Amino acid sequence: MEFSQQSRVWVYQANREFTVTETNEIQQYLNQFTAGWAAHGNQLAAGAEIRYNRFILLFVDETQAGASGCSIDKSVNFIKQLGERYQIDFFDRFNLAYRDVDKIKSASRDEFEQMVKDGTITPDTIVFNNTIQNVDELRTKWEVPFKESWHARLFGNLIPA
C-alpha cells in the first residue's frame, strides 16, 4: 500500500535486533493486525513494515478514516503483546538508536551519553528520531545526523572540543 506524505506514522524501536525468523513472524502478525484495524467501526487504511530488523512502523492514511484514541490504544496493546511474545521492549524511550557504519545499534541513555563524551558518537553520526509524525517526516527527519537531531539539544554540550 502506498501512503501519502501526510499519512500518520508510529515508530516502535526494539531494544534488540530481530532474528530473521522473528522478522518474518512479526511481519505476518503486523499484516493481520493492520488488515483488521478499525476506528469507530471504520476500517483504517493501514499498513506496517519492519525496518532494519529493529523498528516497527505503523501507517494510517487518515484521508479515509482517522485513527481514534481507542484505535491507537489497540495498536499500543498489540505492540505490547508482540513484545511479550518475543521478549522485546518496544517502549524504552531511553534506548537510543544510531548507525554504526552499516549496522544499526542502540544504547541506553547513559551509554549514549558516554559515547558522545568519548567521541564514538560524532556530529555526523546518524541517529533515529522516533518522534516523527507522518510519512514526509519519516523520509526527511527520521534518520538524521546527530547535529540536526533532538539528541544534539540533549547531549550536544558533551561533544569533545
N, C-alpha and C. Protein backbone atom coordinates (compact mmCIF):
# COMPACT_ATOMS: atom_id res chain seq x y z
N MET A 1 0.86 -1.18 0.00
CA MET A 1 0.00 0.00 0.00
C MET A 1 0.90 1.24 0.00
N GLU A 2 0.56 2.18 -0.82
CA GLU A 2 1.31 3.45 -0.89
C GLU A 2 0.60 4.47 0.00
N PHE A 3 1.37 5.18 0.80
CA PHE A 3 0.80 6.14 1.73
C PHE A 3 1.19 7.56 1.33
N SER A 4 0.25 8.48 1.54
CA SER A 4 0.51 9.89 1.22
C SER A 4 1.54 10.46 2.19
N GLN A 5 2.12 11.59 1.82
CA GLN A 5 3.13 12.24 2.66
C GLN A 5 2.59 12.59 4.04
N GLN A 6 1.28 12.85 4.13
CA GLN A 6 0.69 13.26 5.40
C GLN A 6 0.12 12.11 6.22
N SER A 7 0.24 10.88 5.72
CA SER A 7 -0.24 9.73 6.49
C SER A 7 0.49 9.65 7.82
N ARG A 8 -0.23 9.26 8.85
CA ARG A 8 0.35 9.14 10.19
C ARG A 8 1.31 7.98 10.26
N VAL A 9 2.34 8.14 11.07
CA VAL A 9 3.32 7.08 11.30
C VAL A 9 3.61 6.98 12.79
N TRP A 10 3.69 5.75 13.28
CA TRP A 10 4.14 5.48 14.64
C TRP A 10 5.36 4.57 14.52
N VAL A 11 6.41 4.93 15.22
CA VAL A 11 7.65 4.15 15.18
C VAL A 11 7.85 3.49 16.54
N TYR A 12 8.03 2.17 16.50
CA TYR A 12 8.34 1.40 17.71
C TYR A 12 9.72 0.79 17.52
N GLN A 13 10.63 1.16 18.40
CA GLN A 13 12.01 0.68 18.32
C GLN A 13 12.22 -0.45 19.31
N ALA A 14 12.74 -1.55 18.83
CA ALA A 14 13.05 -2.69 19.69
C ALA A 14 14.37 -2.46 20.41
N ASN A 15 14.50 -3.06 21.57
CA ASN A 15 15.73 -2.93 22.34
C ASN A 15 16.82 -3.89 21.83
N ARG A 16 16.49 -4.66 20.81
CA ARG A 16 17.47 -5.54 20.18
C ARG A 16 17.03 -5.81 18.73
N GLU A 17 17.96 -6.34 17.98
CA GLU A 17 17.65 -6.70 16.59
C GLU A 17 16.81 -7.97 16.57
N PHE A 18 15.87 -8.06 15.63
CA PHE A 18 15.07 -9.26 15.46
C PHE A 18 15.89 -10.30 14.69
N THR A 19 15.64 -11.57 14.97
CA THR A 19 16.22 -12.62 14.14
C THR A 19 15.44 -12.65 12.82
N VAL A 20 15.96 -13.35 11.84
CA VAL A 20 15.26 -13.48 10.55
C VAL A 20 13.90 -14.12 10.76
N THR A 21 13.85 -15.16 11.58
CA THR A 21 12.58 -15.84 11.86
C THR A 21 11.60 -14.89 12.53
N GLU A 22 12.07 -14.15 13.53
CA GLU A 22 11.20 -13.18 14.21
C GLU A 22 10.69 -12.13 13.25
N THR A 23 11.56 -11.63 12.38
CA THR A 23 11.14 -10.60 11.42
C THR A 23 9.99 -11.12 10.56
N ASN A 24 10.13 -12.33 10.07
CA ASN A 24 9.07 -12.91 9.22
C ASN A 24 7.78 -13.12 10.00
N GLU A 25 7.89 -13.64 11.21
CA GLU A 25 6.70 -13.88 12.03
C GLU A 25 6.03 -12.56 12.42
N ILE A 26 6.83 -11.61 12.89
CA ILE A 26 6.28 -10.32 13.32
C ILE A 26 5.59 -9.63 12.15
N GLN A 27 6.17 -9.69 10.95
CA GLN A 27 5.53 -9.06 9.79
C GLN A 27 4.17 -9.70 9.51
N GLN A 28 4.07 -11.01 9.68
CA GLN A 28 2.77 -11.67 9.50
C GLN A 28 1.75 -11.18 10.52
N TYR A 29 2.17 -11.06 11.78
CA TYR A 29 1.27 -10.53 12.82
C TYR A 29 0.86 -9.08 12.50
N LEU A 30 1.81 -8.29 12.03
CA LEU A 30 1.51 -6.90 11.67
C LEU A 30 0.50 -6.84 10.54
N ASN A 31 0.67 -7.69 9.54
CA ASN A 31 -0.27 -7.71 8.41
C ASN A 31 -1.67 -8.07 8.87
N GLN A 32 -1.76 -9.06 9.76
CA GLN A 32 -3.07 -9.45 10.29
C GLN A 32 -3.69 -8.31 11.09
N PHE A 33 -2.88 -7.68 11.93
CA PHE A 33 -3.41 -6.59 12.76
C PHE A 33 -3.91 -5.44 11.89
N THR A 34 -3.08 -4.96 10.96
CA THR A 34 -3.48 -3.79 10.17
C THR A 34 -4.66 -4.10 9.25
N ALA A 35 -4.80 -5.36 8.82
CA ALA A 35 -5.95 -5.74 7.97
C ALA A 35 -7.27 -5.57 8.72
N GLY A 36 -7.24 -5.72 10.05
CA GLY A 36 -8.47 -5.60 10.84
C GLY A 36 -8.54 -4.36 11.70
N TRP A 37 -7.57 -3.45 11.56
CA TRP A 37 -7.51 -2.26 12.41
C TRP A 37 -8.61 -1.29 12.01
N ALA A 38 -9.45 -0.91 12.97
CA ALA A 38 -10.58 -0.03 12.68
C ALA A 38 -10.68 1.04 13.77
N ALA A 39 -11.37 2.13 13.40
CA ALA A 39 -11.65 3.21 14.34
C ALA A 39 -13.14 3.50 14.27
N HIS A 40 -13.83 3.33 15.37
CA HIS A 40 -15.28 3.57 15.43
C HIS A 40 -16.01 2.82 14.31
N GLY A 41 -15.60 1.58 14.10
CA GLY A 41 -16.26 0.74 13.10
C GLY A 41 -15.81 0.97 11.67
N ASN A 42 -14.96 1.97 11.45
CA ASN A 42 -14.46 2.23 10.10
C ASN A 42 -13.08 1.60 9.93
N GLN A 43 -12.94 0.79 8.88
CA GLN A 43 -11.65 0.18 8.59
C GLN A 43 -10.63 1.27 8.30
N LEU A 44 -9.47 1.17 8.91
CA LEU A 44 -8.40 2.14 8.66
C LEU A 44 -7.59 1.70 7.45
N ALA A 45 -7.18 2.67 6.64
CA ALA A 45 -6.26 2.39 5.54
C ALA A 45 -4.88 2.33 6.19
N ALA A 46 -4.51 1.14 6.62
CA ALA A 46 -3.33 0.98 7.47
C ALA A 46 -2.36 -0.02 6.87
N GLY A 47 -1.14 0.09 7.31
CA GLY A 47 -0.11 -0.85 6.93
C GLY A 47 0.99 -0.83 7.96
N ALA A 48 1.91 -1.76 7.82
CA ALA A 48 3.03 -1.84 8.76
C ALA A 48 4.22 -2.44 8.05
N GLU A 49 5.39 -2.02 8.50
CA GLU A 49 6.60 -2.63 7.97
C GLU A 49 7.67 -2.65 9.05
N ILE A 50 8.62 -3.51 8.84
CA ILE A 50 9.77 -3.62 9.72
C ILE A 50 10.96 -3.06 8.97
N ARG A 51 11.72 -2.20 9.62
CA ARG A 51 12.93 -1.66 9.02
C ARG A 51 14.14 -2.03 9.87
N TYR A 52 15.19 -2.42 9.19
CA TYR A 52 16.48 -2.73 9.82
C TYR A 52 16.37 -3.82 10.90
N ASN A 53 15.37 -4.67 10.81
CA ASN A 53 15.17 -5.74 11.80
C ASN A 53 15.16 -5.21 13.23
N ARG A 54 14.70 -3.96 13.38
CA ARG A 54 14.71 -3.33 14.70
C ARG A 54 13.53 -2.39 14.94
N PHE A 55 12.96 -1.85 13.89
CA PHE A 55 11.89 -0.86 14.03
C PHE A 55 10.60 -1.39 13.41
N ILE A 56 9.49 -1.20 14.12
CA ILE A 56 8.16 -1.46 13.56
C ILE A 56 7.56 -0.10 13.25
N LEU A 57 7.09 0.06 12.02
CA LEU A 57 6.42 1.29 11.61
C LEU A 57 4.98 0.96 11.28
N LEU A 58 4.06 1.67 11.92
CA LEU A 58 2.62 1.56 11.62
C LEU A 58 2.21 2.82 10.86
N PHE A 59 1.41 2.63 9.82
CA PHE A 59 0.95 3.72 8.97
C PHE A 59 -0.57 3.75 8.92
N VAL A 60 -1.13 4.96 8.91
CA VAL A 60 -2.57 5.13 8.68
C VAL A 60 -2.76 6.34 7.77
N ASP A 61 -3.45 6.10 6.66
CA ASP A 61 -3.83 7.21 5.76
C ASP A 61 -5.14 7.76 6.30
N GLU A 62 -5.05 8.90 6.96
CA GLU A 62 -6.23 9.45 7.64
C GLU A 62 -7.16 10.22 6.70
N THR A 63 -6.86 10.26 5.42
CA THR A 63 -7.80 10.90 4.49
C THR A 63 -9.06 10.04 4.34
N GLN A 64 -8.94 8.75 4.65
CA GLN A 64 -10.09 7.85 4.52
C GLN A 64 -10.83 7.69 5.85
N ALA A 65 -10.07 7.48 6.92
CA ALA A 65 -10.63 7.40 8.27
C ALA A 65 -9.50 7.69 9.23
N GLY A 66 -9.78 8.52 10.21
CA GLY A 66 -8.75 8.92 11.17
C GLY A 66 -8.61 7.92 12.30
N ALA A 67 -7.40 7.77 12.79
CA ALA A 67 -7.15 6.91 13.94
C ALA A 67 -7.69 7.62 15.18
N SER A 68 -8.49 6.91 15.95
CA SER A 68 -9.06 7.47 17.17
C SER A 68 -8.21 7.04 18.36
N GLY A 69 -8.53 7.62 19.51
CA GLY A 69 -7.82 7.24 20.73
C GLY A 69 -7.93 5.75 20.99
N CYS A 70 -9.12 5.20 20.79
CA CYS A 70 -9.32 3.77 21.03
C CYS A 70 -8.52 2.93 20.04
N SER A 71 -8.49 3.34 18.78
CA SER A 71 -7.75 2.56 17.79
C SER A 71 -6.25 2.65 18.04
N ILE A 72 -5.78 3.80 18.51
CA ILE A 72 -4.37 3.94 18.85
C ILE A 72 -4.04 3.07 20.05
N ASP A 73 -4.94 3.05 21.04
CA ASP A 73 -4.76 2.17 22.21
C ASP A 73 -4.66 0.71 21.78
N LYS A 74 -5.48 0.31 20.80
CA LYS A 74 -5.43 -1.07 20.30
C LYS A 74 -4.06 -1.37 19.71
N SER A 75 -3.51 -0.41 18.97
CA SER A 75 -2.19 -0.65 18.36
C SER A 75 -1.11 -0.74 19.43
N VAL A 76 -1.20 0.10 20.45
CA VAL A 76 -0.21 0.06 21.54
C VAL A 76 -0.29 -1.29 22.25
N ASN A 77 -1.50 -1.75 22.54
CA ASN A 77 -1.67 -3.05 23.19
C ASN A 77 -1.15 -4.18 22.32
N PHE A 78 -1.38 -4.08 21.02
CA PHE A 78 -0.88 -5.08 20.08
C PHE A 78 0.65 -5.14 20.12
N ILE A 79 1.30 -3.96 20.10
CA ILE A 79 2.77 -3.91 20.15
C ILE A 79 3.27 -4.46 21.49
N LYS A 80 2.56 -4.16 22.57
CA LYS A 80 2.94 -4.72 23.88
C LYS A 80 2.87 -6.24 23.86
N GLN A 81 1.82 -6.78 23.23
CA GLN A 81 1.69 -8.24 23.13
C GLN A 81 2.83 -8.84 22.31
N LEU A 82 3.20 -8.18 21.21
CA LEU A 82 4.34 -8.66 20.42
C LEU A 82 5.60 -8.68 21.29
N GLY A 83 5.79 -7.61 22.05
CA GLY A 83 6.95 -7.53 22.91
C GLY A 83 6.99 -8.67 23.92
N GLU A 84 5.84 -8.97 24.51
CA GLU A 84 5.79 -10.07 25.47
C GLU A 84 6.08 -11.40 24.79
N ARG A 85 5.52 -11.61 23.61
CA ARG A 85 5.70 -12.86 22.87
C ARG A 85 7.18 -13.10 22.54
N TYR A 86 7.87 -12.03 22.15
CA TYR A 86 9.26 -12.17 21.69
C TYR A 86 10.29 -11.65 22.70
N GLN A 87 9.84 -11.29 23.89
CA GLN A 87 10.72 -10.73 24.92
C GLN A 87 11.55 -9.56 24.38
N ILE A 88 10.82 -8.61 23.79
CA ILE A 88 11.42 -7.40 23.22
C ILE A 88 10.74 -6.21 23.88
N ASP A 89 11.53 -5.21 24.25
CA ASP A 89 10.97 -3.98 24.82
C ASP A 89 10.87 -2.94 23.71
N PHE A 90 9.65 -2.56 23.37
CA PHE A 90 9.40 -1.53 22.36
C PHE A 90 9.12 -0.17 22.99
N PHE A 91 9.15 -0.08 24.31
CA PHE A 91 8.69 1.14 24.98
C PHE A 91 9.75 1.81 25.85
N ASP A 92 10.99 1.44 25.69
CA ASP A 92 12.07 2.08 26.44
C ASP A 92 12.51 3.33 25.68
N ARG A 93 12.02 4.47 26.09
CA ARG A 93 12.32 5.73 25.40
C ARG A 93 13.75 6.21 25.64
N PHE A 94 14.45 5.54 26.55
CA PHE A 94 15.86 5.88 26.81
C PHE A 94 16.81 4.93 26.10
N ASN A 95 16.27 4.13 25.18
CA ASN A 95 17.06 3.25 24.33
C ASN A 95 17.21 4.00 23.00
N LEU A 96 18.41 4.50 22.74
CA LEU A 96 18.65 5.39 21.60
C LEU A 96 19.36 4.64 20.49
N ALA A 97 18.82 4.73 19.28
CA ALA A 97 19.39 4.01 18.13
C ALA A 97 20.26 4.93 17.30
N TYR A 98 21.29 4.34 16.74
CA TYR A 98 22.21 5.09 15.89
C TYR A 98 22.82 4.13 14.87
N ARG A 99 23.38 4.69 13.83
CA ARG A 99 24.02 3.90 12.79
C ARG A 99 25.52 3.86 13.06
N ASP A 100 26.05 2.66 13.12
CA ASP A 100 27.49 2.45 13.28
C ASP A 100 27.97 1.80 11.99
N VAL A 101 28.49 2.60 11.09
CA VAL A 101 28.86 2.21 9.73
C VAL A 101 27.59 1.69 9.06
N ASP A 102 27.47 0.38 8.81
CA ASP A 102 26.27 -0.12 8.13
C ASP A 102 25.39 -0.95 9.05
N LYS A 103 25.60 -0.84 10.36
CA LYS A 103 24.81 -1.59 11.33
C LYS A 103 24.04 -0.62 12.23
N ILE A 104 22.83 -0.99 12.56
CA ILE A 104 22.02 -0.19 13.48
C ILE A 104 22.24 -0.76 14.88
N LYS A 105 22.61 0.11 15.80
CA LYS A 105 22.83 -0.29 17.19
C LYS A 105 21.98 0.60 18.08
N SER A 106 21.87 0.19 19.33
CA SER A 106 21.19 1.04 20.29
C SER A 106 21.96 1.02 21.60
N ALA A 107 21.70 2.03 22.39
CA ALA A 107 22.39 2.19 23.67
C ALA A 107 21.43 2.83 24.67
N SER A 108 21.68 2.54 25.93
CA SER A 108 20.90 3.21 26.97
C SER A 108 21.29 4.69 26.97
N ARG A 109 20.51 5.48 27.64
CA ARG A 109 20.79 6.92 27.70
C ARG A 109 22.20 7.17 28.26
N ASP A 110 22.55 6.46 29.32
CA ASP A 110 23.87 6.64 29.94
C ASP A 110 24.98 6.21 28.99
N GLU A 111 24.79 5.07 28.32
CA GLU A 111 25.80 4.60 27.36
C GLU A 111 25.94 5.59 26.21
N PHE A 112 24.81 6.09 25.71
CA PHE A 112 24.83 7.04 24.60
C PHE A 112 25.57 8.31 25.03
N GLU A 113 25.26 8.78 26.22
CA GLU A 113 25.92 9.99 26.74
C GLU A 113 27.44 9.78 26.80
N GLN A 114 27.86 8.62 27.26
CA GLN A 114 29.30 8.32 27.33
C GLN A 114 29.91 8.27 25.93
N MET A 115 29.19 7.71 24.98
CA MET A 115 29.70 7.63 23.60
C MET A 115 29.84 9.02 22.97
N VAL A 116 28.96 9.95 23.35
CA VAL A 116 29.11 11.33 22.88
C VAL A 116 30.36 11.93 23.51
N LYS A 117 30.53 11.72 24.80
CA LYS A 117 31.69 12.28 25.50
C LYS A 117 33.01 11.76 24.94
N ASP A 118 33.05 10.46 24.62
CA ASP A 118 34.32 9.90 24.16
C ASP A 118 34.50 9.97 22.63
N GLY A 119 33.53 10.60 21.95
CA GLY A 119 33.69 10.82 20.51
C GLY A 119 33.25 9.66 19.63
N THR A 120 32.70 8.60 20.21
CA THR A 120 32.17 7.49 19.41
C THR A 120 30.96 7.98 18.60
N ILE A 121 30.11 8.77 19.24
CA ILE A 121 29.01 9.46 18.55
C ILE A 121 29.54 10.83 18.17
N THR A 122 29.58 11.11 16.88
CA THR A 122 30.09 12.39 16.39
C THR A 122 28.93 13.24 15.88
N PRO A 123 29.17 14.50 15.55
CA PRO A 123 28.10 15.33 14.99
C PRO A 123 27.48 14.73 13.72
N ASP A 124 28.24 13.90 13.01
CA ASP A 124 27.74 13.32 11.76
C ASP A 124 27.17 11.91 11.90
N THR A 125 27.22 11.34 13.10
CA THR A 125 26.64 10.01 13.32
C THR A 125 25.13 10.08 13.05
N ILE A 126 24.63 9.12 12.29
CA ILE A 126 23.19 9.08 12.01
C ILE A 126 22.47 8.50 13.23
N VAL A 127 21.47 9.24 13.68
CA VAL A 127 20.63 8.81 14.80
C VAL A 127 19.18 8.74 14.30
N PHE A 128 18.34 8.10 15.08
CA PHE A 128 16.95 7.88 14.69
C PHE A 128 16.02 8.71 15.56
N ASN A 129 15.21 9.51 14.91
CA ASN A 129 14.24 10.37 15.57
C ASN A 129 12.88 9.68 15.51
N ASN A 130 12.57 8.91 16.53
CA ASN A 130 11.32 8.13 16.54
C ASN A 130 10.10 8.96 16.91
N THR A 131 10.27 10.27 17.04
CA THR A 131 9.14 11.14 17.36
C THR A 131 8.45 11.67 16.10
N ILE A 132 8.88 11.22 14.95
CA ILE A 132 8.26 11.69 13.71
C ILE A 132 6.77 11.38 13.70
N GLN A 133 6.00 12.14 12.91
CA GLN A 133 4.55 12.02 12.93
C GLN A 133 3.93 11.51 11.64
N ASN A 134 4.62 11.70 10.50
CA ASN A 134 3.99 11.35 9.22
C ASN A 134 5.04 10.84 8.23
N VAL A 135 4.57 10.40 7.07
CA VAL A 135 5.45 9.81 6.05
C VAL A 135 6.49 10.82 5.57
N ASP A 136 6.09 12.06 5.40
CA ASP A 136 7.06 13.08 4.97
C ASP A 136 8.21 13.18 5.98
N GLU A 137 7.89 13.24 7.26
CA GLU A 137 8.94 13.30 8.28
C GLU A 137 9.74 12.00 8.33
N LEU A 138 9.10 10.88 8.05
CA LEU A 138 9.82 9.61 8.00
C LEU A 138 10.92 9.68 6.95
N ARG A 139 10.60 10.25 5.81
CA ARG A 139 11.56 10.35 4.71
C ARG A 139 12.63 11.41 4.95
N THR A 140 12.31 12.45 5.72
CA THR A 140 13.25 13.58 5.83
C THR A 140 13.84 13.79 7.22
N LYS A 141 13.19 13.27 8.27
CA LYS A 141 13.62 13.60 9.64
C LYS A 141 13.82 12.39 10.55
N TRP A 142 13.69 11.19 10.01
CA TRP A 142 13.82 10.01 10.86
C TRP A 142 15.29 9.65 11.06
N GLU A 143 16.02 9.51 9.97
CA GLU A 143 17.45 9.19 10.03
C GLU A 143 18.21 10.47 9.74
N VAL A 144 18.77 11.05 10.78
CA VAL A 144 19.42 12.36 10.63
C VAL A 144 20.77 12.37 11.34
N PRO A 145 21.67 13.26 10.91
CA PRO A 145 22.92 13.41 11.64
C PRO A 145 22.64 13.91 13.06
N PHE A 146 23.42 13.42 13.99
CA PHE A 146 23.30 13.83 15.40
C PHE A 146 23.15 15.33 15.53
N LYS A 147 23.97 16.11 14.79
CA LYS A 147 23.98 17.57 14.93
C LYS A 147 22.64 18.20 14.54
N GLU A 148 21.79 17.48 13.78
CA GLU A 148 20.49 18.02 13.35
C GLU A 148 19.32 17.40 14.11
N SER A 149 19.61 16.66 15.17
CA SER A 149 18.57 15.91 15.87
C SER A 149 18.25 16.50 17.23
N TRP A 150 17.17 16.01 17.82
CA TRP A 150 16.85 16.39 19.20
C TRP A 150 17.93 15.89 20.15
N HIS A 151 18.64 14.84 19.74
CA HIS A 151 19.73 14.30 20.56
C HIS A 151 20.79 15.38 20.84
N ALA A 152 21.05 16.20 19.83
CA ALA A 152 22.08 17.26 19.98
C ALA A 152 21.66 18.27 21.03
N ARG A 153 20.37 18.57 21.12
CA ARG A 153 19.90 19.51 22.15
C ARG A 153 20.12 18.92 23.55
N LEU A 154 20.00 17.62 23.65
CA LEU A 154 20.14 16.95 24.95
C LEU A 154 21.60 16.66 25.30
N PHE A 155 22.39 16.25 24.30
CA PHE A 155 23.75 15.80 24.56
C PHE A 155 24.84 16.64 23.87
N GLY A 156 24.46 17.62 23.07
CA GLY A 156 25.41 18.35 22.25
C GLY A 156 26.54 19.02 23.02
N ASN A 157 26.26 19.45 24.23
CA ASN A 157 27.29 20.13 25.03
C ASN A 157 28.38 19.16 25.49
N LEU A 158 28.19 17.86 25.25
CA LEU A 158 29.16 16.85 25.70
C LEU A 158 30.19 16.49 24.62
N ILE A 159 29.97 17.01 23.39
CA ILE A 159 30.88 16.68 22.29
C ILE A 159 32.27 17.22 22.60
N PRO A 160 33.30 16.34 22.48
CA PRO A 160 34.66 16.80 22.77
C PRO A 160 35.08 17.96 21.84
N ALA A 161 35.84 18.88 22.37
CA ALA A 161 36.29 20.02 21.59
C ALA A 161 37.36 19.62 20.59
